[in-house]
């Protein structure tokens, strides 16, 4: 593989379906400083599904630090934090060679070591990201090669990068243990906001209600209600808003019933952007499939509108393991209710 060094590198709770996308922010909450009693406002839920990463990296550009969070049962807990360097220029990256670190929701995609990368520039290890992501592309941002990488110990961690997030060699070795390629998110903010745990839980439940409302309207084949969750500029591979509505209407006339099961999803935000990632099992009287569903949405008034959906099939082995785990969880829940 040729690497171009162009950069510096659910089982969701059953909730009532509303007449349209439910409001997800009925009342503003005040962000607070990071303490043992607060959680990052952008990191709302880490999926318990083993197919995804149990860790998330948060980068605070203002404080020049990278913090690792992990799923701990149904809770989110801080694992550790490390000093980090960022782009030489301040602000959010918008174009190639502006020497700014982008701000948004990204994923770590490839692991690079020597001889793929020179040690003098990138230290012993680097991880590429998917910048520009879908949200960046909508805003016509340019540039590439934004990485999380190390630098030699002889180089100051304050010199400024060409846009990458940079840590020490001993740190990136520790971070590597948390990385599941193409699954571990790295959320980059100018400044990370924190919420009291009770406000964080309220916000998490509101977004779960939004996702559940979408799922129920789909499963009930209520096309009007279902399409109310979508933005008029919605895109999916091979579809736009109008053709998506026609497609779903055609399926309604074809299938006697459908069932949609979602694993507990990842829920992460960046300002007006929302990304949801879940394992989805779709069943009808004529068709069954299982795969990873990724939903991209943007804030619209007091709710969100879906701008894109992506689906990728999951392996049969992984499907069997996930279904077995779901059945086990269901059985344990039933026993606890008896």
Protein backbone atom coordinates (compact mmCIF):
# COMPACT_ATOMS: atom_id res chain seq x y z
CA UNK A 1 0.00 0.00 0.00
CA UNK A 2 1.38 3.41 -0.99
CA UNK A 3 0.95 6.11 1.65
CA UNK A 4 1.15 9.75 0.59
CA UNK A 5 2.58 11.91 3.36
CA UNK A 6 0.45 14.89 2.45
CA UNK A 7 -0.40 15.99 5.95
CA UNK A 8 1.47 16.31 9.13
CA UNK A 9 0.83 14.18 9.49
CA UNK A 10 -29.85 -0.70 20.15
CA UNK A 11 -31.75 -2.55 21.76
CA UNK A 12 -33.13 0.92 22.18
CA UNK A 13 -35.63 1.62 24.96
CA UNK A 14 -39.26 1.54 23.82
CA UNK A 15 -40.48 5.09 23.86
CA UNK A 16 -43.67 6.62 22.45
CA UNK A 17 -43.56 7.78 18.84
CA UNK A 18 -44.28 11.45 18.42
CA UNK A 19 -45.98 13.14 15.47
CA UNK A 20 -42.59 13.94 14.01
CA UNK A 21 -38.96 14.09 15.11
CA UNK A 22 -39.07 14.73 18.87
CA UNK A 23 -37.42 17.77 20.32
CA UNK A 24 -34.00 16.88 21.67
CA UNK A 25 -33.12 20.11 23.43
CA UNK A 26 -36.25 21.46 25.11
CA UNK A 27 -34.28 23.54 27.58
CA UNK A 28 -30.67 24.72 27.46
CA UNK A 29 -28.23 23.47 30.06
CA UNK A 30 -25.17 25.32 31.21
CA UNK A 31 -21.81 23.82 30.37
CA UNK A 32 -19.40 23.56 33.27
CA UNK A 33 -15.71 23.03 33.71
CA UNK A 34 -14.32 19.52 33.74
CA UNK A 35 -14.65 17.89 37.16
CA UNK A 36 -15.19 14.40 38.56
CA UNK A 37 -18.95 15.13 38.50
CA UNK A 38 -19.17 16.21 34.85
CA UNK A 39 -19.07 14.44 31.47
CA UNK A 40 -18.26 15.76 27.99
CA UNK A 41 -21.40 17.24 26.41
CA UNK A 42 -20.47 15.86 22.99
CA UNK A 43 -19.88 12.25 24.02
CA UNK A 44 -23.33 11.01 24.95
CA UNK A 45 -23.18 7.24 24.55
CA UNK A 46 -20.52 4.64 23.76
CA UNK A 47 -22.09 1.53 22.28
CA UNK A 48 -21.84 -1.67 24.31
CA UNK A 49 -21.64 -3.64 21.05
CA UNK A 50 -18.27 -5.38 20.85
CA UNK A 51 -18.12 -4.73 17.09
CA UNK A 52 -17.38 -1.08 17.86
CA UNK A 53 -14.65 0.55 19.91
CA UNK A 54 -15.20 0.91 23.65
CA UNK A 55 -12.89 3.95 23.68
CA UNK A 56 -13.22 7.52 22.40
CA UNK A 57 -10.50 10.19 22.12
CA UNK A 58 -11.40 13.83 22.84
CA UNK A 59 -8.99 16.59 21.82
CA UNK A 60 -9.28 20.02 23.45
CA UNK A 61 -7.29 22.45 21.29
CA UNK A 62 -7.49 25.32 23.77
CA UNK A 63 -6.09 23.21 26.61
CA UNK A 64 -3.80 21.28 24.23
CA UNK A 65 -4.67 17.88 25.59
CA UNK A 66 -6.06 14.53 24.46
CA UNK A 67 -8.37 12.67 26.85
CA UNK A 68 -9.36 9.01 26.58
CA UNK A 69 -12.87 7.95 27.63
CA UNK A 70 -14.23 4.42 27.78
CA UNK A 71 -17.50 2.60 28.21
CA UNK A 72 -17.82 1.19 31.71
CA UNK A 73 -21.07 -0.77 31.71
CA UNK A 74 -23.67 1.83 30.79
CA UNK A 75 -21.48 4.63 32.08
CA UNK A 76 -18.72 6.73 30.52
CA UNK A 77 -15.52 7.20 32.46
CA UNK A 78 -12.28 9.08 31.93
CA UNK A 79 -9.29 6.78 31.45
CA UNK A 80 -6.39 9.20 31.12
CA UNK A 81 -5.28 12.42 29.48
CA UNK A 82 -2.08 13.53 27.78
CA UNK A 83 -0.49 16.77 26.52
CA UNK A 84 -0.92 17.27 22.78
CA UNK A 85 0.29 19.63 20.08
CA UNK A 86 -1.96 21.03 17.34
CA UNK A 87 -1.69 23.12 14.17
CA UNK A 88 0.54 26.19 14.05
CA UNK A 89 -2.43 28.40 13.15
CA UNK A 90 -5.48 28.84 15.34
CA UNK A 91 -9.06 28.16 14.31
CA UNK A 92 -10.88 25.38 12.45
CA UNK A 93 -9.33 23.96 9.30
CA UNK A 94 -11.13 24.99 6.10
CA UNK A 95 -8.56 24.57 3.32
CA UNK A 96 -5.37 22.82 2.33
CA UNK A 97 -2.11 24.12 3.83
CA UNK A 98 -3.79 26.51 6.30
CA UNK A 99 -1.86 24.77 9.13
CA UNK A 100 -5.05 24.50 11.21
CA UNK A 101 -6.30 21.43 13.06
CA UNK A 102 -9.83 20.49 11.96
CA UNK A 103 -12.67 20.35 14.45
CA UNK A 104 -15.25 17.60 14.15
CA UNK A 105 -16.07 13.90 14.46
CA UNK A 106 -13.40 11.69 12.93
CA UNK A 107 -12.30 8.05 13.00
CA UNK A 108 -8.81 6.53 13.16
CA UNK A 109 -8.44 4.52 9.97
CA UNK A 110 -4.89 3.27 9.32
CA UNK A 111 -1.87 2.46 11.49
CA UNK A 112 1.49 3.57 10.05
CA UNK A 113 5.00 2.72 11.24
CA UNK A 114 8.51 2.72 9.78
CA UNK A 115 9.38 2.43 6.91
CA UNK A 116 5.98 3.83 5.82
CA UNK A 117 6.69 7.05 7.74
CA UNK A 118 9.97 8.81 8.61
CA UNK A 119 10.72 8.75 12.32
CA UNK A 120 12.14 12.28 12.24
CA UNK A 121 8.73 13.70 11.27
CA UNK A 122 6.17 11.34 12.76
CA UNK A 123 7.94 9.50 15.56
CA UNK A 124 7.39 5.77 15.92
CA UNK A 125 3.69 5.55 15.09
CA UNK A 126 0.85 7.39 13.35
CA UNK A 127 -2.87 6.90 12.78
CA UNK A 128 -4.64 8.46 9.81
CA UNK A 129 -8.10 10.05 10.13
CA UNK A 130 -11.01 10.39 7.72
CA UNK A 131 -10.71 14.17 7.38
CA UNK A 132 -12.48 15.63 5.43
CA UNK A 133 -15.53 13.78 6.77
CA UNK A 134 -19.04 14.01 5.33
CA UNK A 135 -19.85 17.19 7.26
CA UNK A 136 -16.58 18.80 6.06
CA UNK A 137 -17.33 17.85 2.47
CA UNK A 138 -20.76 19.51 2.69
CA UNK A 139 -18.98 22.67 3.79
CA UNK A 140 -16.50 22.25 0.89
CA UNK A 141 -13.47 22.05 3.15
CA UNK A 142 -10.24 20.95 1.48
CA UNK A 143 -6.99 19.34 2.54
CA UNK A 144 -6.06 15.85 3.65
CA UNK A 145 -3.45 13.90 5.62
CA UNK A 146 -4.69 14.85 9.09
CA UNK A 147 -3.20 12.31 11.47
CA UNK A 148 -2.70 11.49 15.12
CA UNK A 149 1.04 10.91 15.36
CA UNK A 150 4.12 11.14 17.55
CA UNK A 151 7.36 13.11 17.32
CA UNK A 152 10.92 12.33 18.44
CA UNK A 153 11.69 13.16 22.04
CA UNK A 154 14.18 15.80 20.88
CA UNK A 155 11.40 17.86 19.28
CA UNK A 156 9.37 20.28 21.47
CA UNK A 157 5.68 19.43 21.82
CA UNK A 158 4.92 23.13 21.39
CA UNK A 159 6.31 23.81 17.92
CA UNK A 160 2.92 23.49 16.18
CA UNK A 161 2.01 20.99 13.47
CA UNK A 162 0.68 21.39 9.93
CA UNK A 163 -2.75 20.45 11.25
CA UNK A 164 -2.27 17.09 12.93
CA UNK A 165 -2.76 16.14 16.57
CA UNK A 166 0.67 15.28 17.98
CA UNK A 167 1.73 13.45 21.16
CA UNK A 168 4.93 12.01 22.59
CA UNK A 169 6.27 8.63 21.49
CA UNK A 170 5.56 6.96 24.81
CA UNK A 171 1.99 8.33 24.70
CA UNK A 172 1.12 7.08 21.24
CA UNK A 173 2.24 3.60 22.29
CA UNK A 174 -0.30 3.75 25.11
CA UNK A 175 -3.00 5.15 22.82
CA UNK A 176 -2.43 2.34 20.34
CA UNK A 177 -3.88 -0.11 22.88
CA UNK A 178 -7.19 1.76 22.73
CA UNK A 179 -7.48 1.94 18.94
CA UNK A 180 -9.83 -0.25 16.91
CA UNK A 181 -9.12 0.80 13.34
CA UNK A 182 -12.02 2.48 11.52
CA UNK A 183 -14.08 2.31 14.73
CA UNK A 184 -12.34 4.47 17.34
CA UNK A 185 -13.61 8.08 17.17
CA UNK A 186 -11.41 11.09 17.74
CA UNK A 187 -13.50 14.18 18.49
CA UNK A 188 -11.62 17.45 18.05
CA UNK A 189 -12.93 20.66 19.61
CA UNK A 190 -11.66 24.19 20.03
CA UNK A 191 -12.84 23.77 23.61
CA UNK A 192 -14.53 20.70 25.13
CA UNK A 193 -17.71 21.51 27.06
CA UNK A 194 -18.78 19.46 30.09
CA UNK A 195 -22.18 18.89 31.68
CA UNK A 196 -23.26 17.75 35.15
CA UNK A 197 -24.02 14.04 35.03
CA UNK A 198 -27.77 14.53 35.46
CA UNK A 199 -27.90 16.98 32.51
CA UNK A 200 -25.73 14.66 30.46
CA UNK A 201 -28.13 11.76 31.12
CA UNK A 202 -31.12 13.91 30.19
CA UNK A 203 -29.53 14.87 26.89
CA UNK A 204 -28.58 11.24 26.21
CA UNK A 205 -32.15 10.05 26.76
CA UNK A 206 -33.55 12.80 24.52
CA UNK A 207 -31.36 11.68 21.64
CA UNK A 208 -32.19 8.02 22.28
CA UNK A 209 -35.85 9.04 22.03
CA UNK A 210 -35.13 10.70 18.68
CA UNK A 211 -33.49 7.52 17.39
CA UNK A 212 -36.26 5.32 18.75
CA UNK A 213 -38.93 7.53 17.17
CA UNK A 214 -37.20 7.14 13.80
CA UNK A 215 -36.95 3.35 14.27
CA UNK A 216 -40.58 2.93 15.28
CA UNK A 217 -41.93 5.02 12.40
CA UNK A 218 -39.85 2.91 10.01
CA UNK A 219 -40.96 -0.39 11.55
CA UNK A 220 -44.62 0.72 11.52
CA UNK A 221 -44.18 1.80 7.88
CA UNK A 222 -45.66 5.21 8.61
CA UNK A 223 -44.02 6.85 5.59
CA UNK A 224 -45.13 10.40 6.38
CA UNK A 225 -43.86 10.27 9.96
CA UNK A 226 -40.71 8.41 8.90
CA UNK A 227 -39.78 11.01 6.25
CA UNK A 228 -40.27 13.82 8.78
CA UNK A 229 -36.97 12.71 10.30
CA UNK A 230 -35.13 13.51 7.04
CA UNK A 231 -33.70 16.72 5.66
CA UNK A 232 -34.84 17.80 2.19
CA UNK A 233 -31.18 17.57 1.10
CA UNK A 234 -30.92 13.98 2.35
CA UNK A 235 -28.59 11.68 0.42
CA UNK A 236 -27.90 7.95 0.60
CA UNK A 237 -25.96 5.86 -1.94
CA UNK A 238 -28.20 5.95 -5.01
CA UNK A 239 -30.95 8.04 -3.39
CA UNK A 240 -32.09 11.56 -2.62
CA UNK A 241 -35.02 12.66 -0.46
CA UNK A 242 -37.69 12.09 -3.12
CA UNK A 243 -36.38 8.76 -4.41
CA UNK A 244 -35.88 7.55 -0.82
CA UNK A 245 -39.55 8.25 -0.07
CA UNK A 246 -40.62 6.40 -3.24
CA UNK A 247 -38.32 3.48 -2.37
CA UNK A 248 -39.77 3.14 1.14
CA UNK A 249 -43.33 3.43 -0.18
CA UNK A 250 -42.65 0.65 -2.68
CA UNK A 251 -41.29 -1.60 0.07
CA UNK A 252 -44.38 -0.94 2.16
CA UNK A 253 -46.57 -2.29 -0.65
CA UNK A 254 -44.23 -5.28 -1.10
CA UNK A 255 -43.74 -6.47 2.50
CA UNK A 256 -46.49 -7.57 4.86
CA UNK A 257 -44.41 -6.50 7.86
CA UNK A 258 -40.93 -5.32 8.83
CA UNK A 259 -39.01 -5.46 12.08
CA UNK A 260 -36.04 -3.22 12.83
CA UNK A 261 -33.75 -4.04 15.74
CA UNK A 262 -30.95 -1.64 16.71
CA UNK A 263 -28.10 -2.34 19.09
CA UNK A 264 -27.26 0.33 21.62
CA UNK A 265 -25.81 3.06 19.37
CA UNK A 266 -22.81 5.31 19.50
CA UNK A 267 -24.08 8.88 19.93
CA UNK A 268 -21.57 11.68 19.43
CA UNK A 269 -22.05 15.36 18.65
CA UNK A 270 -19.98 18.24 17.41
CA UNK A 271 -21.82 21.54 17.71
CA UNK A 272 -24.74 21.17 15.22
CA UNK A 273 -23.52 17.79 13.94
CA UNK A 274 -24.80 14.42 15.16
CA UNK A 275 -23.42 10.99 14.31
CA UNK A 276 -25.17 7.77 15.31
CA UNK A 277 -23.67 4.33 14.66
CA UNK A 278 -25.47 1.08 15.43
CA UNK A 279 -25.78 -2.57 14.44
CA UNK A 280 -29.07 -2.96 12.60
CA UNK A 281 -31.05 -6.15 12.05
CA UNK A 282 -33.77 -5.76 9.42
CA UNK A 283 -36.42 -8.41 8.92
CA UNK A 284 -39.49 -8.69 6.70
CA UNK A 285 -41.62 -11.57 5.47
CA UNK A 286 -39.34 -11.74 2.40
CA UNK A 287 -35.93 -10.46 3.44
CA UNK A 288 -33.47 -10.40 6.36
CA UNK A 289 -30.18 -8.54 6.62
CA UNK A 290 -27.75 -7.40 9.31
CA UNK A 291 -25.19 -4.64 9.14
CA UNK A 292 -23.71 -1.41 10.46
CA UNK A 293 -25.95 1.64 10.06
CA UNK A 294 -24.38 5.09 10.28
CA UNK A 295 -26.64 8.13 10.49
CA UNK A 296 -25.47 11.71 9.94
CA UNK A 297 -27.79 14.49 11.09
CA UNK A 298 -27.73 18.25 11.50
CA UNK A 299 -29.52 20.42 14.06
CA UNK A 300 -32.76 21.86 12.74
CA UNK A 301 -34.65 24.03 15.20
CA UNK A 302 -35.11 22.01 18.38
CA UNK A 303 -34.50 18.63 16.74
CA UNK A 304 -32.24 16.98 14.17
CA UNK A 305 -32.74 16.10 10.51
CA UNK A 306 -30.97 13.16 8.88
CA UNK A 307 -28.78 14.23 5.96
CA UNK A 308 -27.25 10.87 5.09
CA UNK A 309 -27.46 7.16 5.89
CA UNK A 310 -24.85 4.50 5.22
CA UNK A 311 -25.17 0.75 5.63
CA UNK A 312 -22.50 -1.94 5.39
CA UNK A 313 -23.06 -5.70 5.81
CA UNK A 314 -21.64 -7.43 8.86
CA UNK A 315 -19.94 -10.84 8.78
CA UNK A 316 -22.00 -13.96 9.50
CA UNK A 317 -19.73 -14.86 12.40
CA UNK A 318 -20.16 -11.42 13.94
CA UNK A 319 -23.90 -11.55 13.34
CA UNK A 320 -24.19 -14.89 15.17
CA UNK A 321 -22.15 -13.56 18.10
CA UNK A 322 -24.19 -10.36 18.29
CA UNK A 323 -27.52 -12.20 18.14
CA UNK A 324 -26.34 -14.66 20.82
CA UNK A 325 -25.34 -11.74 23.04
CA UNK A 326 -28.68 -10.00 22.43
CA UNK A 327 -30.54 -13.20 23.33
CA UNK A 328 -28.46 -13.57 26.48
CA UNK A 329 -29.15 -9.98 27.53
CA UNK A 330 -32.88 -10.45 26.85
CA UNK A 331 -32.96 -13.68 28.87
CA UNK A 332 -31.20 -12.02 31.81
CA UNK A 333 -33.61 -9.09 31.66
CA UNK A 334 -36.60 -11.45 31.64
CA UNK A 335 -35.23 -13.37 34.64
CA UNK A 336 -34.70 -10.15 36.57
CA UNK A 337 -38.35 -9.21 35.94
CA UNK A 338 -39.77 -12.54 37.17
